[in-house]
Protein backbone atom coordinates (compact mmCIF):
# COMPACT_ATOMS: atom_id res chain seq x y z
CA MET A 1 8.96 -42.79 -21.78
CA THR A 2 6.43 -43.98 -19.20
CA ASN A 3 7.11 -44.38 -15.49
CA SER A 4 7.07 -48.17 -15.78
CA SER A 5 9.66 -48.04 -18.57
CA MET A 6 11.87 -45.75 -16.52
CA LYS A 7 11.69 -48.13 -13.56
CA THR A 8 12.51 -51.09 -15.83
CA VAL A 9 15.52 -49.34 -17.34
CA LYS A 10 16.71 -48.29 -13.90
CA GLN A 11 16.50 -51.86 -12.63
CA LEU A 12 18.29 -53.27 -15.67
CA VAL A 13 21.13 -50.75 -15.33
CA LYS A 14 21.38 -51.45 -11.61
CA ILE A 15 21.59 -55.20 -12.22
CA LYS A 16 24.25 -54.74 -14.92
CA ILE A 17 26.44 -52.46 -12.82
CA LYS A 18 25.97 -54.56 -9.70
CA GLY A 19 27.02 -57.67 -11.63
CA ALA A 20 30.14 -55.96 -12.97
CA VAL A 21 31.14 -54.69 -9.51
CA SER A 22 30.43 -58.00 -7.79
CA SER A 23 32.59 -59.84 -10.32
CA LEU A 24 35.52 -57.73 -9.11
CA LEU A 25 34.80 -57.54 -5.41
CA THR A 26 33.15 -60.84 -4.46
CA PHE A 27 35.86 -63.20 -3.31
CA MET A 28 33.97 -66.48 -3.55
CA ARG A 29 31.41 -65.63 -6.23
CA GLY A 30 29.43 -68.61 -7.50
CA ARG A 31 30.34 -70.96 -4.64
CA ALA A 32 27.65 -72.68 -2.64
CA LYS A 33 28.83 -70.97 0.53
CA LYS A 34 29.03 -67.19 0.49
CA THR A 35 31.39 -65.28 2.74
CA ASN A 36 30.26 -62.19 4.56
CA GLY A 37 32.15 -59.34 6.14
CA PHE A 38 35.76 -58.46 5.51
CA SER A 39 37.68 -60.38 2.84
CA TRP A 40 41.39 -60.13 2.16
CA GLY A 41 40.69 -60.95 -1.48
CA THR A 42 38.31 -58.01 -1.76
CA ALA A 43 40.73 -55.70 0.02
CA PHE A 44 43.56 -56.77 -2.29
CA ILE A 45 41.68 -56.13 -5.51
CA VAL A 46 40.30 -52.79 -4.26
CA ALA A 47 43.84 -51.71 -3.36
CA ILE A 48 45.14 -52.71 -6.82
CA ILE A 49 42.36 -50.77 -8.57
CA ILE A 50 42.89 -47.67 -6.43
CA ILE A 51 46.67 -47.70 -7.01
CA ALA A 52 46.21 -48.10 -10.79
CA PHE A 53 43.72 -45.22 -10.88
CA LEU A 54 45.96 -42.97 -8.80
CA MET A 55 48.97 -43.67 -11.04
CA LEU A 56 47.00 -42.83 -14.20
CA MET A 57 45.60 -39.69 -12.60
CA ALA A 58 49.05 -38.59 -11.43
CA PHE A 59 50.38 -38.98 -14.97
CA SER A 60 47.42 -37.04 -16.38
CA PHE A 61 47.96 -34.28 -13.79
CA GLY A 62 51.64 -33.92 -14.67
CA VAL A 63 50.98 -33.67 -18.40
CA SER A 64 48.11 -31.21 -17.79
CA MET A 65 50.32 -28.93 -15.69
CA ALA A 66 53.12 -28.93 -18.27
CA LEU A 67 50.83 -28.19 -21.21
CA GLY A 68 48.70 -25.74 -19.22
CA TYR A 69 51.62 -23.51 -18.27
CA GLN A 70 52.85 -23.56 -21.86
CA MET A 71 49.39 -22.52 -23.12
CA ALA A 72 49.20 -19.74 -20.55
CA ILE A 73 52.61 -18.40 -21.58
CA LYS A 74 51.66 -18.38 -25.28
CA ASP A 75 48.20 -16.91 -24.66
CA CYS A 76 46.21 -19.88 -25.96
CA LEU A 77 44.79 -21.24 -22.72
CA TRP A 78 41.45 -21.70 -24.48
CA LEU A 79 42.96 -24.85 -26.08
CA TYR A 80 43.36 -26.48 -22.64
CA PHE A 81 39.92 -28.06 -22.28
CA PRO A 82 39.40 -28.96 -25.98
CA LEU A 83 42.67 -30.92 -25.89
CA ALA A 84 41.65 -32.63 -22.64
CA TRP A 85 38.21 -33.34 -24.17
CA ILE A 86 39.77 -35.09 -27.18
CA CYS A 87 42.22 -37.10 -25.04
CA SER A 88 39.48 -38.29 -22.69
CA VAL A 89 37.25 -39.38 -25.61
CA VAL A 90 40.12 -41.34 -27.16
CA PHE A 91 41.01 -42.94 -23.80
CA SER A 92 37.37 -43.93 -23.19
CA LEU A 93 37.05 -45.43 -26.67
CA ILE A 94 40.18 -47.53 -26.21
CA GLY A 95 38.74 -48.95 -23.00
CA THR A 96 35.23 -49.77 -24.23
CA VAL A 97 35.03 -49.83 -28.01
CA PHE A 98 35.86 -53.50 -28.56
CA ALA A 99 33.36 -54.66 -25.97
CA ALA A 100 30.49 -52.60 -27.40
CA GLN A 101 29.31 -55.02 -30.08
CA SER A 102 29.13 -58.07 -27.79
CA TYR A 103 27.87 -55.95 -24.88
CA LEU A 104 24.98 -54.48 -26.85
CA PHE A 105 23.90 -57.27 -29.17
CA GLU A 106 25.45 -60.59 -28.08
CA SER A 107 24.75 -60.89 -24.35
CA THR A 108 23.56 -64.33 -23.33
CA ASP A 109 20.60 -62.87 -21.44
CA ASN A 110 19.04 -61.39 -24.60
CA ASP A 111 16.60 -64.26 -25.02
CA LEU A 112 15.57 -64.10 -21.37
CA LEU A 113 14.98 -60.35 -21.36
CA LEU A 114 13.13 -60.31 -24.69
CA SER A 115 10.85 -63.12 -23.53
CA MET A 116 9.66 -60.87 -20.69
CA PRO A 117 7.17 -58.00 -21.04
CA ILE A 118 10.04 -55.56 -21.56
CA ARG A 119 10.27 -53.35 -24.61
CA PRO A 120 13.39 -53.96 -26.76
CA SER A 121 14.12 -50.22 -26.67
CA ASP A 122 14.26 -50.37 -22.86
CA VAL A 123 16.79 -53.18 -23.01
CA LEU A 124 18.89 -51.18 -25.48
CA LEU A 125 18.68 -48.03 -23.35
CA SER A 126 19.80 -49.93 -20.26
CA ARG A 127 22.81 -51.30 -22.14
CA MET A 128 23.73 -47.82 -23.43
CA LEU A 129 23.41 -46.31 -19.95
CA ALA A 130 25.65 -49.05 -18.53
CA LEU A 131 28.20 -48.23 -21.25
CA PHE A 132 27.82 -44.56 -20.30
CA VAL A 133 28.76 -45.37 -16.70
CA LEU A 134 31.81 -47.31 -17.89
CA ASN A 135 32.87 -44.45 -20.18
CA PHE A 136 32.33 -41.99 -17.33
CA VAL A 137 34.85 -43.92 -15.21
CA TYR A 138 37.43 -43.90 -18.02
CA SER A 139 36.95 -40.21 -18.86
CA THR A 140 37.12 -39.17 -15.19
CA ILE A 141 40.62 -40.64 -14.96
CA ILE A 142 41.67 -37.94 -17.45
CA LEU A 143 39.29 -35.08 -16.67
CA LEU A 144 39.50 -35.05 -12.86
CA PRO A 145 43.25 -34.28 -12.69
CA VAL A 146 42.82 -31.96 -15.68
CA GLY A 147 40.26 -29.95 -13.71
CA ILE A 148 42.53 -29.74 -10.66
CA ALA A 149 45.47 -28.64 -12.80
CA PHE A 150 43.41 -25.89 -14.46
CA GLN A 151 42.73 -24.30 -11.06
CA LEU A 152 46.49 -24.04 -10.53
CA VAL A 153 47.20 -22.80 -14.06
CA GLY A 154 44.36 -20.41 -14.84
CA GLY A 155 41.82 -20.48 -12.03
CA TYR A 156 38.04 -20.99 -12.20
CA SER A 157 35.21 -18.52 -12.36
CA ILE A 158 31.65 -19.64 -11.66
CA ILE A 159 30.88 -20.02 -15.38
CA THR A 160 34.12 -21.85 -16.25
CA PHE A 161 33.56 -24.28 -13.36
CA LEU A 162 30.01 -24.89 -14.57
CA CYS A 163 31.38 -25.59 -18.06
CA TYR A 164 33.85 -28.05 -16.54
CA LEU A 165 31.06 -29.92 -14.73
CA ILE A 166 29.08 -30.10 -17.97
CA THR A 167 32.18 -31.47 -19.70
CA LEU A 168 32.37 -34.31 -17.16
CA VAL A 169 28.91 -35.44 -18.28
CA ILE A 170 28.92 -34.83 -22.02
CA VAL A 171 32.30 -36.47 -22.78
CA PRO A 172 31.18 -40.01 -21.76
CA ALA A 173 27.90 -39.41 -23.63
CA LEU A 174 29.86 -38.77 -26.84
CA SER A 175 32.09 -41.81 -26.19
CA THR A 176 29.01 -43.97 -25.65
CA GLY A 177 27.50 -42.86 -28.95
CA LEU A 178 30.74 -43.56 -30.83
CA CYS A 179 31.06 -46.99 -29.14
CA CYS A 180 27.55 -47.93 -30.22
CA ILE A 181 28.24 -46.83 -33.79
CA PHE A 182 31.39 -48.93 -33.88
CA GLY A 183 29.56 -51.93 -32.42
CA TYR A 184 26.84 -51.68 -35.05
CA LEU A 185 29.36 -51.33 -37.90
CA VAL A 186 31.35 -54.33 -36.68
CA GLY A 187 28.14 -56.35 -36.62
CA LYS A 188 27.38 -55.39 -40.21
CA ILE A 189 30.92 -56.06 -41.41
CA VAL A 190 31.14 -59.54 -39.93
CA GLN A 191 27.99 -60.56 -41.77
CA VAL A 192 29.89 -60.44 -45.07
CA ILE A 193 33.20 -61.84 -43.77
CA PRO A 194 33.59 -65.61 -43.44
CA ASN A 195 35.48 -65.50 -40.14
CA LYS A 196 34.51 -62.58 -37.94
CA ASN A 197 36.79 -63.71 -35.12
CA ILE A 198 39.91 -63.22 -37.22
CA LEU A 199 38.81 -59.69 -38.15
CA THR A 200 38.10 -58.76 -34.53
CA VAL A 201 41.40 -60.21 -33.29
CA ILE A 202 43.42 -58.43 -36.00
CA MET A 203 41.74 -55.10 -35.27
CA GLY A 204 42.25 -55.60 -31.54
CA PHE A 205 45.95 -56.42 -31.84
CA LEU A 206 46.49 -53.49 -34.23
CA THR A 207 44.91 -51.19 -31.66
CA ILE A 208 47.09 -52.66 -28.91
CA ALA A 209 50.17 -52.13 -31.08
CA VAL A 210 49.22 -48.50 -31.75
CA VAL A 211 48.58 -47.88 -28.05
CA ALA A 212 51.89 -49.54 -27.12
CA VAL A 213 53.83 -47.42 -29.63
CA ALA A 214 52.07 -44.27 -28.44
CA GLY A 215 52.78 -45.18 -24.81
CA LEU A 216 56.47 -45.70 -25.48
CA ASN A 217 56.63 -42.33 -27.26
CA VAL A 218 54.43 -40.34 -24.88
CA GLY A 219 57.39 -38.16 -23.86
CA PRO A 220 58.22 -37.01 -27.41
CA ILE A 221 54.50 -36.49 -28.10
CA VAL A 222 54.12 -34.18 -25.10
CA VAL A 223 57.28 -32.28 -26.07
CA ALA A 224 55.98 -31.88 -29.65
CA LEU A 225 52.67 -30.53 -28.32
CA MET A 226 54.52 -28.00 -26.16
CA ASN A 227 56.74 -26.87 -29.05
CA TYR A 228 53.95 -26.53 -31.61
CA ILE A 229 51.11 -25.43 -29.33
CA GLU A 230 50.66 -22.10 -31.15
CA VAL A 231 50.44 -23.79 -34.56
CA ILE A 232 47.88 -26.27 -33.22
CA ALA A 233 45.84 -23.45 -31.70
CA GLU A 234 45.78 -21.51 -34.99
CA ASN A 235 44.64 -24.58 -36.95
CA VAL A 236 41.89 -25.41 -34.46
CA GLN A 237 40.68 -21.81 -34.38
CA SER A 238 40.43 -21.61 -38.18
CA SER A 239 39.30 -25.16 -39.02
CA ILE A 240 37.33 -26.52 -36.03
CA VAL A 241 35.29 -23.54 -34.89
CA PRO A 242 33.00 -25.42 -32.41
CA LEU A 243 36.07 -26.56 -30.49
CA TYR A 244 37.34 -22.97 -30.38
CA TRP A 245 34.00 -21.74 -29.03
CA TYR A 246 34.01 -24.57 -26.48
CA GLY A 247 37.53 -23.64 -25.40
CA CYS A 248 36.56 -19.99 -24.92
CA ALA A 249 33.52 -21.04 -22.89
CA SER A 250 35.36 -23.47 -20.61
CA SER A 251 38.49 -21.32 -20.15
CA TYR A 252 37.25 -17.73 -20.37
CA GLY A 253 33.60 -17.99 -19.29
CA MET A 254 31.82 -17.37 -22.61
CA PHE A 255 29.05 -19.81 -21.73
CA ARG A 256 27.11 -19.77 -25.00
CA GLY A 257 30.17 -21.17 -26.77
CA ILE A 258 29.64 -24.56 -25.11
CA LEU A 259 26.13 -25.00 -26.58
CA PRO A 260 27.29 -26.48 -29.96
CA ILE A 261 29.44 -29.07 -28.18
CA ILE A 262 26.54 -29.98 -25.86
CA LEU A 263 24.30 -30.40 -28.90
CA ILE A 264 26.85 -32.69 -30.59
CA CYS A 265 27.64 -34.78 -27.51
CA VAL A 266 24.00 -35.25 -26.48
CA GLY A 267 22.51 -35.37 -29.96
CA LEU A 268 24.80 -38.11 -31.27
CA PRO A 269 23.89 -40.80 -28.68
CA ALA A 270 20.22 -39.77 -28.92
CA LEU A 271 20.25 -40.29 -32.70
CA VAL A 272 22.15 -43.56 -32.28
CA PHE A 273 19.59 -44.79 -29.75
CA ARG A 274 16.72 -43.83 -32.04
CA PHE A 275 18.31 -45.65 -34.98
CA LEU A 276 19.31 -48.78 -33.05
CA SER A 277 15.98 -49.04 -31.20
CA ILE A 278 14.26 -49.55 -34.56
CA LYS A 279 16.66 -52.35 -35.51
CA PHE A 280 17.51 -53.75 -32.07
CA LEU A 281 15.10 -56.68 -32.07
CA LYS A 282 16.25 -57.71 -35.54
CA LEU A 283 19.93 -57.35 -34.62
CA VAL A 284 19.77 -59.53 -31.51
CA THR A 285 17.56 -62.24 -33.00
CA LYS A 286 18.88 -62.48 -36.56
CA LYS A 287 21.19 -65.37 -37.22
CA THR A 288 23.74 -64.89 -39.96
CA ALA A 289 23.19 -67.32 -42.78
CA MET A 290 26.01 -69.81 -43.11
CA LYS A 291 27.01 -71.55 -46.28
CA LYS A 292 26.22 -75.21 -46.12
CA LYS A 293 29.20 -77.49 -46.28
CA LYS A 294 29.09 -80.61 -48.36
CA TYR A 295 29.90 -83.68 -46.34
CA VAL A 296 32.94 -85.54 -47.60
CA GLU A 297 33.46 -88.99 -46.21
CA LYS A 298 36.86 -89.42 -44.58
CA PRO A 299 38.38 -92.23 -42.57
CA MET A 300 37.87 -91.71 -38.85
CA LYS A 301 40.99 -91.26 -36.77
CA LYS A 302 41.42 -92.31 -33.21
CA THR A 303 43.08 -89.74 -30.95
CA GLY A 304 44.09 -89.77 -27.34
CA LEU A 305 41.88 -88.31 -24.63
CA GLN A 306 44.47 -85.73 -23.55
CA TYR A 307 44.91 -84.56 -27.15
CA ALA A 308 41.13 -84.21 -27.52
CA LEU A 309 40.91 -82.09 -24.36
CA ILE A 310 43.71 -79.79 -25.53
CA LYS A 311 42.07 -79.48 -28.96
CA LYS A 312 38.76 -78.58 -27.26
CA GLU A 313 40.42 -75.82 -25.22
CA LEU A 314 42.24 -74.43 -28.27
CA GLY A 315 39.05 -74.40 -30.32
CA TYR A 316 37.17 -72.55 -27.58
CA PHE A 317 40.04 -70.10 -27.11
CA PHE A 318 40.20 -69.09 -30.79
CA SER A 319 36.39 -68.90 -31.09
CA ILE A 320 36.17 -65.90 -28.72
CA PRO A 321 38.06 -62.79 -29.96
CA ALA A 322 38.02 -61.14 -26.53
CA TYR A 323 39.61 -64.28 -25.06
CA VAL A 324 42.42 -64.16 -27.64
CA MET A 325 43.08 -60.42 -27.20
CA ASN A 326 43.07 -60.44 -23.40
CA SER A 327 44.74 -63.76 -22.69
CA GLY A 328 47.05 -63.99 -25.69
CA LEU A 329 49.03 -60.85 -24.93
CA SER A 330 52.04 -62.90 -23.85
CA THR A 331 52.74 -63.83 -27.45
CA ILE A 332 52.49 -60.20 -28.58
CA MET A 333 54.72 -59.00 -25.74
CA SER A 334 57.25 -61.73 -26.50
CA VAL A 335 57.32 -60.75 -30.17
CA PHE A 336 57.82 -57.08 -29.18
CA LEU A 337 60.72 -58.19 -26.97
CA GLY A 338 62.27 -60.07 -29.89
CA ILE A 339 61.83 -57.08 -32.20
CA GLY A 340 63.43 -54.85 -29.57
CA ILE A 341 66.41 -57.22 -29.38
CA ILE A 342 66.82 -57.14 -33.16
CA VAL A 343 66.56 -53.33 -33.36
CA LYS A 344 68.59 -52.50 -30.22
CA GLY A 345 70.91 -55.51 -30.12
CA ASP A 346 74.08 -53.47 -30.54
CA LEU A 347 73.12 -51.15 -27.68
CA ILE A 348 72.34 -54.11 -25.43
CA LYS A 349 75.75 -55.65 -26.07
CA GLU A 350 77.43 -52.29 -25.52
CA TYR A 351 75.69 -51.24 -22.30
CA MET A 352 75.34 -54.59 -20.52
CA PRO A 353 79.03 -54.63 -19.44
CA LEU A 354 78.70 -51.00 -18.34
CA ILE A 355 75.66 -51.75 -16.19
CA PHE A 356 77.30 -54.82 -14.61
CA PRO A 357 81.06 -54.18 -14.85
CA ASP A 358 81.91 -56.70 -12.11
CA ALA A 359 79.68 -59.50 -13.40
CA SER A 360 81.12 -62.93 -12.79
CA SER A 361 79.68 -64.28 -16.04
CA ASN A 362 77.71 -63.37 -19.12
CA LEU A 363 74.32 -62.14 -17.85
CA MET A 364 72.78 -61.75 -21.29
CA GLY A 365 71.02 -65.12 -21.28
CA LEU A 366 69.75 -64.63 -17.74
CA ALA A 367 68.43 -61.14 -18.53
CA ILE A 368 66.67 -62.26 -21.73
CA GLY A 369 65.28 -65.38 -20.04
CA SER A 370 63.87 -63.40 -17.11
CA SER A 371 62.32 -60.77 -19.40
CA LEU A 372 60.74 -63.41 -21.62
CA ALA A 373 59.40 -65.38 -18.64
CA LEU A 374 57.82 -62.23 -17.22
CA CYS A 375 56.21 -61.55 -20.60
CA CYS A 376 54.77 -65.06 -20.54
CA THR A 377 53.11 -64.47 -17.15
CA ILE A 378 50.77 -62.03 -18.90
CA ASN A 379 49.26 -65.15 -20.44
CA ASP A 380 46.29 -65.73 -18.12
CA VAL A 381 44.43 -68.05 -20.48
CA THR A 382 43.63 -70.56 -17.70
CA ALA A 383 42.43 -68.01 -15.14
CA PRO A 384 38.89 -67.80 -16.61
CA SER A 385 38.85 -71.26 -18.23
CA ILE A 386 36.79 -73.01 -15.55
CA SER A 387 34.38 -70.10 -15.19
CA LEU A 388 33.87 -70.11 -18.96
CA GLU A 389 32.35 -73.58 -18.70
CA GLY A 390 29.37 -71.70 -17.28
CA LYS A 391 26.21 -73.43 -16.24
CA THR A 392 27.01 -76.34 -18.58
CA ILE A 393 29.96 -77.43 -16.46
CA TRP A 394 27.90 -80.43 -15.39
CA LEU A 395 28.29 -81.85 -18.91
CA LEU A 396 32.07 -82.03 -18.50
CA LYS A 397 31.80 -83.32 -14.95
CA SER A 398 29.34 -86.04 -15.98
CA THR A 399 31.88 -87.64 -18.34
CA PRO A 400 34.16 -90.41 -16.99
CA ILE A 401 37.25 -88.21 -17.37
CA ASP A 402 39.73 -87.84 -14.55
CA ALA A 403 39.80 -84.26 -13.26
CA MET A 404 43.59 -84.13 -13.53
CA LYS A 405 43.40 -84.74 -17.28
CA ILE A 406 40.99 -81.83 -17.58
CA PHE A 407 43.38 -79.65 -15.59
CA ARG A 408 46.33 -80.67 -17.76
CA GLY A 409 44.38 -79.95 -20.94
CA LYS A 410 43.70 -76.43 -19.72
CA ALA A 411 47.18 -75.79 -18.26
CA LEU A 412 49.00 -76.85 -21.44
CA MET A 413 47.18 -74.06 -23.27
CA SER A 414 49.51 -71.54 -21.66
CA PRO A 415 52.84 -72.79 -23.12
CA ILE A 416 51.20 -73.70 -26.45
CA ILE A 417 49.91 -70.16 -27.01
CA SER A 418 53.14 -68.54 -25.81
CA LEU A 419 55.42 -70.85 -27.82
CA PRO A 420 55.55 -68.78 -31.06
CA GLY A 421 56.73 -65.70 -29.17
CA ILE A 422 59.26 -67.73 -27.18
CA ILE A 423 60.79 -69.27 -30.31
CA PHE A 424 60.91 -65.92 -32.11
CA THR A 425 62.64 -64.13 -29.21
CA ALA A 426 65.07 -67.00 -28.66
CA ALA A 427 65.99 -67.01 -32.35
CA ALA A 428 66.39 -63.21 -32.35
CA SER A 429 68.65 -63.45 -29.29
CA ALA A 430 70.76 -66.20 -30.85
CA VAL A 431 71.34 -64.27 -34.07
CA THR A 432 71.61 -60.70 -32.76
CA LEU A 433 73.30 -61.20 -29.39
CA GLU A 434 75.36 -64.24 -30.43
CA LEU A 435 74.42 -66.27 -27.35
CA SER A 436 75.68 -69.78 -26.69
CA VAL A 437 73.62 -72.94 -27.06
CA ALA A 438 73.32 -73.20 -23.25
CA ASP A 439 71.94 -69.65 -23.07
CA ILE A 440 69.34 -70.32 -25.77
CA LEU A 441 68.26 -73.61 -24.19
CA PHE A 442 67.83 -71.85 -20.85
CA ILE A 443 65.78 -69.03 -22.42
CA VAL A 444 63.43 -71.49 -24.13
CA PHE A 445 63.10 -73.99 -21.28
CA VAL A 446 62.66 -71.52 -18.42
CA SER A 447 60.02 -69.59 -20.41
CA ILE A 448 58.05 -72.76 -21.17
CA ILE A 449 58.14 -74.00 -17.58
CA ALA A 450 57.18 -70.49 -16.37
CA CYS A 451 54.18 -70.64 -18.72
CA LEU A 452 53.27 -74.05 -17.30
CA PHE A 453 53.50 -72.64 -13.77
CA SER A 454 51.25 -69.73 -14.76
CA GLY A 455 48.79 -72.14 -16.40
CA PHE A 456 48.40 -74.35 -13.34
CA LEU A 457 48.24 -71.27 -11.09
CA GLY A 458 45.31 -69.90 -13.10
CA ILE A 459 43.42 -73.17 -12.68
CA ILE A 460 44.04 -73.25 -8.92
CA ILE A 461 42.87 -69.68 -8.43
CA ASN A 462 39.85 -70.13 -10.72
CA LEU A 463 38.86 -73.23 -8.74
CA LYS A 464 38.89 -71.09 -5.62
CA ILE A 465 37.18 -68.08 -7.23
CA PRO A 466 34.81 -69.34 -9.95
CA ARG A 467 32.08 -67.29 -11.60
CA PHE A 468 29.32 -69.19 -13.44
CA ASP A 469 26.46 -66.68 -13.45
CA TRP A 470 27.84 -64.52 -16.26
CA SER A 471 25.74 -63.19 -19.15
CA SER A 472 28.69 -62.45 -21.46
CA GLU A 473 32.11 -64.10 -21.78
CA ILE A 474 33.76 -60.67 -21.58
CA THR A 475 32.64 -60.44 -17.92
CA VAL A 476 34.71 -63.49 -16.98
CA ILE A 477 37.63 -62.79 -19.30
CA LYS A 478 38.21 -59.15 -18.37
CA GLN A 479 36.43 -58.42 -15.09
CA SER A 480 36.65 -61.56 -12.94
CA LEU A 481 38.67 -61.58 -9.75
CA SER A 482 40.46 -64.80 -10.67
CA VAL A 483 42.05 -63.18 -13.76
CA ILE A 484 43.42 -60.19 -11.84
CA VAL A 485 44.68 -62.27 -8.90
CA THR A 486 46.34 -64.77 -11.27
CA LEU A 487 48.05 -62.02 -13.24
CA PHE A 488 49.59 -60.30 -10.23
CA ALA A 489 50.41 -63.52 -8.38
CA ALA A 490 52.14 -65.01 -11.44
CA MET A 491 54.20 -61.86 -12.02
CA PHE A 492 55.21 -61.76 -8.34
CA PHE A 493 56.30 -65.40 -8.11
CA THR A 494 58.02 -65.26 -11.50
CA SER A 495 60.15 -62.27 -10.54
CA ILE A 496 61.50 -63.86 -7.33
CA PRO A 497 64.11 -66.29 -8.78
CA PHE A 498 65.49 -63.79 -11.26
CA VAL A 499 65.99 -61.11 -8.62
CA PHE A 500 67.88 -63.59 -6.44
CA ALA A 501 69.84 -64.91 -9.45
CA ILE A 502 70.80 -61.75 -11.34
CA ILE A 503 72.09 -59.85 -8.31
CA PRO A 504 74.52 -62.57 -7.11
CA ALA A 505 75.62 -63.34 -10.68
CA ALA A 506 76.35 -59.64 -11.20
CA TYR A 507 78.36 -59.05 -8.03
CA LEU A 508 79.64 -62.37 -6.66
CA PRO A 509 82.76 -63.71 -8.42
CA ASP A 510 81.98 -67.38 -7.71
CA PHE A 511 78.32 -67.26 -8.78
CA SER A 512 78.34 -68.49 -12.38
CA SER A 513 75.58 -68.22 -14.94
CA VAL A 514 75.25 -72.02 -14.97
CA LEU A 515 74.40 -71.96 -11.27
CA ALA A 516 71.90 -69.13 -11.86
CA TYR A 517 70.28 -71.10 -14.68
CA GLY A 518 69.98 -74.16 -12.46
CA LEU A 519 68.43 -72.26 -9.55
CA CYS A 520 65.83 -70.56 -11.74
CA THR A 521 64.88 -73.78 -13.48
CA ALA A 522 64.69 -75.74 -10.21
CA TYR A 523 62.52 -73.02 -8.67
CA PHE A 524 59.85 -73.24 -11.38
CA PHE A 525 60.10 -77.03 -11.51
CA ILE A 526 59.37 -77.28 -7.77
CA LEU A 527 56.46 -74.82 -8.05
CA VAL A 528 54.89 -76.86 -10.87
CA LEU A 529 55.24 -80.07 -8.84
CA LEU A 530 53.57 -78.41 -5.85
CA GLU A 531 50.73 -77.18 -8.08
CA ILE A 532 50.21 -80.65 -9.54
CA PHE A 533 50.21 -82.16 -6.03
CA TYR A 534 47.57 -79.67 -4.90
CA LEU A 535 45.37 -80.30 -7.94
CA CYS A 536 45.63 -84.07 -7.47
CA THR A 537 44.40 -83.76 -3.86
CA ASP A 538 42.38 -80.69 -2.88
CA GLY A 539 41.91 -79.62 -6.48
CA ARG A 540 39.92 -82.77 -7.28
CA LYS A 541 37.67 -82.20 -4.26
CA THR A 542 37.04 -78.59 -5.22
CA TRP A 543 36.26 -79.61 -8.81
CA ASN A 544 33.74 -82.19 -7.63
CA SER A 545 31.99 -79.59 -5.46
CA LEU A 546 31.52 -77.09 -8.32
CA GLY A 547 28.30 -76.63 -10.23
């Protein structure tokens, strides 16, 4: 690689990382007026990220200590770092694998970059290096507390510490290579499948389900590892020899044992880069052939403007798999809640009176309604909806459509997408828990109005924090400040009425469930009215100033 190519790759990686960081930390990104200096929005999001990282690291440290002491007792401490290596690779893949295909081959700046005097291989290398940085962040969440725990369990020598530092670098390299392989395979598969979005969404939700099940059973998994650690060590030693050599190198200082793992972790992404660089230009410029549809004359139907706007938003939502997987989680969570009610219904009916023995009324409907409403706040479909209009937002603004109708079309997406999960959970509660008609009506109505509140809230926040200079939809959907602020703000405001309703209903004799239902419903109703009032006044002005 020449010096000019190295400088080009360096600049491309710098621009990519800077764009990702600025999407999280810039409070008024994309507005005509930029703010300088301290920002409460920036401080808030930095604090949230730091807290989340510290919690994950604390969990990783606790598990590492427990397993490490068990390995030391049973004289198989060499398994410590191989197990951490596997866990960090899996964790990195979960965080980046579904973004790899769009990140590598479907970025909107492909045409711009390829029209410049930049080699396609340099563009590919910059994308892979940016993925490497992302994988490094994910793997560090696991490996940093693992390294601290090992000092307390076994202690470092100079060679073992050097092996640990090498591990910090080679693990994200392996994850990057595997991500690129997966992205390439997905691209090849979707060429022979009529609807690639359905495939991507199904695979994404299956992965989320597996992760959720594993997360709920993490305790039994750790206990099983501790109980069968000797059996696992014997199988690894006899069947996966490179991992055994790596474990001896990183735990006991036999440095040459780490060489096969270095060769695998560095060689795989190098081979992947070599293979993809040959096909990169063809992959990013080739358009999949589509079967021509025969036009069939049908009578034209007249529809209302509001219906057309809602249909437009639904069509755009289901056309982007990442949008469905990240903003449609409320439906999945609601379905999980309903399944939990069906499976554990008898336990809920048995333990609810024990938890609240002095309850003035039946709290079952209030508890289910609050849980379902909180699940619905995960639906942040409107938080990136204005930013997703991108640089073509002027087309929508140039039409003679009232801004409030556009806002309503976007906000109604939230209850529409969450409705299947709401109905399923309400039906499961009615059958399993034998709730009254009033309880079921409250569960359905308060969840829908909570969704509507979350929908309008996402629009308000996205109006204040838009981002139009994105190169890939995934940047706005997953990494924008408006999405994170909307999620936490919606969860905070949604939890307030239920806290102040459940506690009095549980301990005050004169506080009935009917009164609690009325207070919760009135609370969300007032919030929605306030949101509509804001959008009709300042929201219109902000909308007109965008673009």
